[in-house]
């Protein structure tokens, strides 16, 4: 029997694990790995307190930090995948993984999300070689270069706004009409370094050791095989939250299956369940924000557990 089960080993899950250990909460941290999405980044410059760190090194540091404090209070179940959560007797939860079953009084879901990837020729070959999925992480590496952003929603325009501070030019391409907030679109398009195109279908990414160009076609009005010369491509076509395992306990989720939370406490609508990080309907997607949300949740969980005694 655990007081808390943390699901996820990214920045949110790791932060929760450290705080649970320090508060001496009997906890199981269940994760397939400690990688998180940032493992794809060659260098992260906005992880507060660290000038620069690779995504792989950040994952190692997160794991080391949790293991250092775990002691007798946090059991790390690495290599396990949560498959289901059930509400059982006496307001307890049964968490099922691909290897075992665990009972707990409370649950923190910090399972993150998976970025939707481009599925066109060159996308896999140039990932990390000019193709990136994080403008805030990697934008400074493209200073004074021509780049493209793929995605016409808020995330695409927010990425473009960040990149305009560094890049020589930014070309945003969208498969349909822009889906971002009108005020965001208007503000970004005011910048003379910005170009935005609708009804564009990416066809292929080309280069040698690094990205050199993006081929696309206009679907309306139809124009075939246009190439733009770029040295970077930022992909912002959405996320798939990792929340399928939690659909059976009555959680309120939005249309994208992101868990709805109270931003003051990270509580969900289900008593005894909190959520933090990219699996929630929180407005922003950042490592530092995920960590803060998880710590906020742990503070609230600790108070709730004290009431149960």
Protein backbone atom coordinates (compact mmCIF):
# COMPACT_ATOMS: atom_id res chain seq x y z
CA UNK A 1 0.00 0.00 0.00
CA UNK A 2 1.35 3.42 -1.01
CA UNK A 3 0.32 6.90 0.07
CA UNK A 4 1.10 8.19 -3.42
CA UNK A 5 1.82 6.85 -6.87
CA UNK A 6 3.50 9.17 -9.37
CA UNK A 7 3.02 8.20 -13.01
CA UNK A 8 5.77 9.55 -15.27
CA UNK A 9 9.51 10.19 -15.17
CA UNK A 10 9.93 13.44 -17.11
CA UNK A 11 10.61 16.77 -15.41
CA UNK A 12 7.20 16.80 -13.67
CA UNK A 13 7.43 13.22 -12.43
CA UNK A 14 11.03 13.60 -11.30
CA UNK A 15 10.30 16.83 -9.41
CA UNK A 16 7.35 15.15 -7.71
CA UNK A 17 9.57 12.20 -6.77
CA UNK A 18 12.17 14.43 -5.14
CA UNK A 19 9.54 16.34 -3.15
CA UNK A 20 7.73 13.16 -2.13
CA UNK A 21 11.00 11.74 -0.77
CA UNK A 22 11.85 14.91 1.13
CA UNK A 23 8.36 14.98 2.65
CA UNK A 24 8.73 11.28 3.54
CA UNK A 25 5.62 10.20 1.65
CA UNK A 26 5.53 6.47 0.94
CA UNK A 27 5.58 6.63 -2.84
CA UNK A 28 5.99 4.56 -5.98
CA UNK A 29 7.25 6.39 -9.06
CA UNK A 30 6.27 4.41 -12.15
CA UNK A 31 7.86 5.25 -15.49
CA UNK A 32 9.09 3.53 -18.61
CA UNK A 33 12.12 5.87 -18.52
CA UNK A 34 13.21 9.32 -17.37
CA UNK A 35 13.62 10.74 -20.85
CA UNK A 36 10.74 13.15 -21.42
CA UNK A 37 10.34 15.02 -24.70
CA UNK A 38 13.45 17.14 -24.25
CA UNK A 39 15.71 14.15 -24.87
CA UNK A 40 15.35 15.13 -28.55
CA UNK A 41 17.09 18.49 -27.98
CA UNK A 42 20.83 18.75 -28.56
CA UNK A 43 21.12 21.64 -26.13
CA UNK A 44 18.63 23.24 -23.75
CA UNK A 45 19.42 26.79 -22.69
CA UNK A 46 16.32 27.68 -20.66
CA UNK A 47 16.55 25.06 -17.89
CA UNK A 48 16.85 27.49 -14.99
CA UNK A 49 20.16 27.32 -13.13
CA UNK A 50 21.97 25.58 -15.99
CA UNK A 51 23.45 27.60 -18.84
CA UNK A 52 23.23 24.72 -21.32
CA UNK A 53 22.51 21.00 -21.13
CA UNK A 54 21.61 18.34 -23.68
CA UNK A 55 18.25 16.62 -23.46
CA UNK A 56 19.95 13.30 -22.78
CA UNK A 57 22.03 14.77 -19.97
CA UNK A 58 18.97 16.43 -18.48
CA UNK A 59 17.20 13.06 -18.36
CA UNK A 60 20.23 11.54 -16.58
CA UNK A 61 20.29 14.38 -14.05
CA UNK A 62 16.58 14.00 -13.32
CA UNK A 63 17.01 10.30 -12.65
CA UNK A 64 20.10 10.86 -10.47
CA UNK A 65 18.27 13.49 -8.42
CA UNK A 66 15.32 11.20 -7.70
CA UNK A 67 17.56 8.23 -6.87
CA UNK A 68 19.71 10.31 -4.52
CA UNK A 69 16.75 11.30 -2.34
CA UNK A 70 14.55 8.22 -2.80
CA UNK A 71 15.84 6.39 0.28
CA UNK A 72 13.19 4.29 2.00
CA UNK A 73 10.32 6.45 0.81
CA UNK A 74 10.25 6.40 -3.02
CA UNK A 75 10.26 3.07 -4.85
CA UNK A 76 11.35 3.69 -8.43
CA UNK A 77 9.56 1.33 -10.82
CA UNK A 78 11.53 2.08 -13.98
CA UNK A 79 10.71 0.06 -17.09
CA UNK A 80 7.04 -0.30 -16.20
CA UNK A 81 4.16 1.08 -18.25
CA UNK A 82 0.90 2.04 -16.52
CA UNK A 83 -2.04 0.44 -18.33
CA UNK A 84 -5.02 1.24 -16.11
CA UNK A 85 -6.21 3.01 -12.96
CA UNK A 86 -9.28 1.83 -11.05
CA UNK A 87 -11.14 3.22 -8.06
CA UNK A 88 -11.45 0.43 -5.48
CA UNK A 89 -12.76 0.06 -1.93
CA UNK A 90 -12.30 2.72 0.75
CA UNK A 91 -11.44 5.47 -1.74
CA UNK A 92 -8.26 3.70 -2.82
CA UNK A 93 -6.83 3.34 -6.32
CA UNK A 94 -5.49 0.25 -8.04
CA UNK A 95 -2.78 1.07 -10.58
CA UNK A 96 -2.05 -1.70 -13.08
CA UNK A 97 1.17 -1.85 -15.10
CA UNK A 98 2.53 -4.30 -17.64
CA UNK A 99 4.31 -6.02 -14.73
CA UNK A 100 2.39 -5.58 -11.47
CA UNK A 101 -0.52 -4.08 -9.48
CA UNK A 102 -0.20 -1.35 -6.84
CA UNK A 103 -2.66 0.13 -4.34
CA UNK A 104 -2.45 3.76 -3.31
CA UNK A 105 -4.34 6.49 -1.47
CA UNK A 106 -3.50 9.22 -4.00
CA UNK A 107 -2.26 9.50 -7.58
CA UNK A 108 -0.29 12.16 -9.43
CA UNK A 109 -0.47 11.79 -13.20
CA UNK A 110 2.65 13.32 -14.78
CA UNK A 111 2.72 11.16 -17.89
CA UNK A 112 3.42 13.98 -20.34
CA UNK A 113 2.58 13.85 -24.02
CA UNK A 114 4.04 12.74 -27.30
CA UNK A 115 4.72 15.26 -30.02
CA UNK A 116 3.11 14.51 -33.35
CA UNK A 117 5.92 13.87 -35.81
CA UNK A 118 6.23 14.79 -39.47
CA UNK A 119 5.72 11.82 -41.76
CA UNK A 120 7.35 12.89 -45.02
CA UNK A 121 10.63 11.94 -46.74
CA UNK A 122 13.59 13.41 -44.87
CA UNK A 123 11.77 13.94 -41.57
CA UNK A 124 13.45 11.06 -39.72
CA UNK A 125 16.82 11.52 -41.40
CA UNK A 126 17.16 15.18 -40.40
CA UNK A 127 15.67 15.04 -36.90
CA UNK A 128 18.30 16.72 -34.74
CA UNK A 129 20.04 17.91 -37.91
CA UNK A 130 17.91 20.95 -38.54
CA UNK A 131 14.49 19.55 -37.66
CA UNK A 132 13.44 20.34 -34.11
CA UNK A 133 10.25 20.24 -32.07
CA UNK A 134 11.07 22.97 -29.53
CA UNK A 135 11.54 26.61 -30.53
CA UNK A 136 12.15 27.76 -26.96
CA UNK A 137 14.88 25.11 -26.50
CA UNK A 138 16.64 25.32 -29.85
CA UNK A 139 15.79 28.73 -31.30
CA UNK A 140 19.09 30.44 -30.39
CA UNK A 141 21.05 27.89 -32.45
CA UNK A 142 19.41 29.25 -35.59
CA UNK A 143 20.40 32.88 -35.09
CA UNK A 144 20.67 34.78 -38.38
CA UNK A 145 19.38 31.78 -40.36
CA UNK A 146 16.31 31.24 -42.50
CA UNK A 147 13.87 28.80 -40.87
CA UNK A 148 10.42 27.36 -41.42
CA UNK A 149 7.66 26.57 -38.92
CA UNK A 150 5.17 23.84 -39.78
CA UNK A 151 1.84 24.35 -38.04
CA UNK A 152 -0.81 27.06 -38.17
CA UNK A 153 -2.23 26.88 -34.65
CA UNK A 154 -1.28 28.84 -31.54
CA UNK A 155 1.81 26.68 -30.98
CA UNK A 156 3.06 27.40 -34.50
CA UNK A 157 2.59 31.15 -34.20
CA UNK A 158 4.08 31.23 -30.70
CA UNK A 159 7.11 29.35 -32.02
CA UNK A 160 7.40 31.82 -34.89
CA UNK A 161 7.23 34.75 -32.45
CA UNK A 162 10.13 33.30 -30.45
CA UNK A 163 12.19 32.60 -33.56
CA UNK A 164 11.78 36.11 -34.94
CA UNK A 165 14.01 37.32 -32.11
CA UNK A 166 16.92 35.27 -33.48
CA UNK A 167 16.39 34.32 -37.10
CA UNK A 168 17.01 36.09 -40.39
CA UNK A 169 13.57 35.04 -41.64
CA UNK A 170 10.71 32.79 -40.56
CA UNK A 171 8.28 31.13 -42.96
CA UNK A 172 5.24 29.50 -41.38
CA UNK A 173 3.28 26.95 -43.41
CA UNK A 174 -0.19 25.68 -42.52
CA UNK A 175 -2.24 22.89 -44.12
CA UNK A 176 -5.44 24.97 -43.75
CA UNK A 177 -6.54 28.41 -42.63
CA UNK A 178 -4.63 29.66 -39.61
CA UNK A 179 -6.12 28.32 -36.36
CA UNK A 180 -4.31 30.58 -33.91
CA UNK A 181 -5.96 33.42 -32.02
CA UNK A 182 -6.55 36.39 -34.38
CA UNK A 183 -4.61 38.81 -32.18
CA UNK A 184 -1.61 36.42 -32.14
CA UNK A 185 -1.71 36.04 -35.92
CA UNK A 186 -1.92 39.78 -36.45
CA UNK A 187 0.95 40.55 -34.10
CA UNK A 188 3.31 37.95 -35.58
CA UNK A 189 2.54 38.87 -39.18
CA UNK A 190 3.45 42.51 -38.49
CA UNK A 191 7.12 41.54 -38.36
CA UNK A 192 8.84 42.21 -41.73
CA UNK A 193 10.94 39.03 -41.31
CA UNK A 194 7.77 36.91 -41.21
CA UNK A 195 6.02 35.07 -44.05
CA UNK A 196 2.98 32.84 -43.53
CA UNK A 197 1.32 30.55 -46.07
CA UNK A 198 -2.01 28.72 -45.93
CA UNK A 199 -3.11 25.53 -47.70
CA UNK A 200 0.42 24.18 -47.88
CA UNK A 201 1.27 20.48 -47.82
CA UNK A 202 4.91 19.68 -46.95
CA UNK A 203 6.33 17.12 -49.37
CA UNK A 204 9.98 16.53 -48.55
CA UNK A 205 12.90 17.81 -46.50
CA UNK A 206 16.25 17.89 -48.22
CA UNK A 207 19.84 18.51 -47.22
CA UNK A 208 23.27 16.96 -46.86
CA UNK A 209 24.53 16.71 -43.29
CA UNK A 210 22.00 19.40 -42.33
CA UNK A 211 18.63 20.65 -43.53
CA UNK A 212 18.88 22.87 -46.58
CA UNK A 213 15.37 23.05 -47.96
CA UNK A 214 11.66 22.27 -47.64
CA UNK A 215 9.62 21.15 -50.63
CA UNK A 216 5.87 21.79 -50.51
CA UNK A 217 2.86 22.25 -52.73
CA UNK A 218 0.01 24.70 -52.46
CA UNK A 219 -3.29 22.84 -52.38
CA UNK A 220 -5.42 25.97 -52.90
CA UNK A 221 -4.81 27.50 -55.31
CA UNK A 222 -2.85 24.49 -56.55
CA UNK A 223 0.89 25.02 -57.05
CA UNK A 224 3.16 21.99 -57.25
CA UNK A 225 6.62 21.41 -55.82
CA UNK A 226 7.78 24.74 -54.45
CA UNK A 227 11.09 24.78 -52.58
CA UNK A 228 12.18 27.23 -49.92
CA UNK A 229 15.79 27.40 -48.77
CA UNK A 230 15.93 27.01 -44.98
CA UNK A 231 18.51 25.83 -42.46
CA UNK A 232 16.00 24.89 -39.77
CA UNK A 233 12.48 23.45 -39.56
CA UNK A 234 10.40 23.74 -36.39
CA UNK A 235 7.49 21.32 -36.21
CA UNK A 236 4.42 22.43 -34.24
CA UNK A 237 1.60 20.14 -35.36
CA UNK A 238 0.31 19.21 -31.92
CA UNK A 239 0.68 16.72 -29.10
CA UNK A 240 -1.01 13.50 -28.05
CA UNK A 241 -1.29 13.46 -24.24
CA UNK A 242 -0.41 10.15 -22.61
CA UNK A 243 -3.66 9.71 -20.71
CA UNK A 244 -5.35 6.64 -22.22
CA UNK A 245 -4.69 4.59 -19.08
CA UNK A 246 -6.70 7.06 -16.97
CA UNK A 247 -9.96 7.10 -18.91
CA UNK A 248 -11.80 4.69 -16.59
CA UNK A 249 -11.94 6.77 -13.40
CA UNK A 250 -14.17 9.61 -14.59
CA UNK A 251 -11.57 12.32 -15.15
CA UNK A 252 -12.71 15.46 -16.92
CA UNK A 253 -10.70 15.78 -20.13
CA UNK A 254 -10.84 18.20 -23.03
CA UNK A 255 -11.33 17.21 -26.67
CA UNK A 256 -7.61 16.37 -26.93
CA UNK A 257 -7.75 14.05 -23.87
CA UNK A 258 -5.76 16.52 -21.78
CA UNK A 259 -6.72 16.29 -18.10
CA UNK A 260 -8.56 19.33 -16.78
CA UNK A 261 -7.04 20.63 -13.55
CA UNK A 262 -7.48 23.41 -11.02
CA UNK A 263 -4.38 25.54 -11.75
CA UNK A 264 -4.17 26.63 -8.09
CA UNK A 265 -3.65 23.09 -6.78
CA UNK A 266 -3.38 20.77 -9.84
CA UNK A 267 -6.35 18.81 -8.51
CA UNK A 268 -8.58 17.00 -10.98
CA UNK A 269 -12.32 16.48 -10.58
CA UNK A 270 -11.67 13.02 -9.09
CA UNK A 271 -10.92 13.11 -5.36
CA UNK A 272 -7.42 11.78 -4.70
CA UNK A 273 -6.08 12.42 -8.21
CA UNK A 274 -3.81 15.29 -9.26
CA UNK A 275 -2.13 15.94 -12.63
CA UNK A 276 0.84 18.04 -13.75
CA UNK A 277 2.80 18.86 -16.87
CA UNK A 278 1.99 18.25 -20.52
CA UNK A 279 -0.77 15.71 -19.87
CA UNK A 280 -2.98 18.53 -18.50
CA UNK A 281 -4.93 21.33 -20.13
CA UNK A 282 -2.41 23.87 -18.81
CA UNK A 283 -1.77 26.71 -21.22
CA UNK A 284 2.00 26.42 -21.73
CA UNK A 285 4.37 23.53 -22.49
CA UNK A 286 7.72 24.06 -20.78
CA UNK A 287 10.00 21.92 -18.61
CA UNK A 288 10.21 24.59 -15.95
CA UNK A 289 6.44 25.00 -15.84
CA UNK A 290 5.91 21.23 -15.61
CA UNK A 291 8.29 21.10 -12.64
CA UNK A 292 6.51 23.97 -10.89
CA UNK A 293 3.12 22.37 -11.46
CA UNK A 294 4.32 19.07 -10.02
CA UNK A 295 5.76 20.73 -6.92
CA UNK A 296 2.51 22.62 -6.45
CA UNK A 297 0.65 19.31 -6.67
CA UNK A 298 2.98 17.66 -4.13
CA UNK A 299 2.43 20.43 -1.63
CA UNK A 300 -1.32 19.95 -1.96
CA UNK A 301 -1.07 16.14 -1.84
CA UNK A 302 1.01 16.33 1.33
CA UNK A 303 -1.65 18.46 3.04
CA UNK A 304 -4.38 16.08 1.91
CA UNK A 305 -2.49 13.06 3.23
CA UNK A 306 -2.07 14.79 6.60
CA UNK A 307 -5.86 15.15 6.81
CA UNK A 308 -6.25 11.40 6.22
CA UNK A 309 -4.19 10.47 9.28
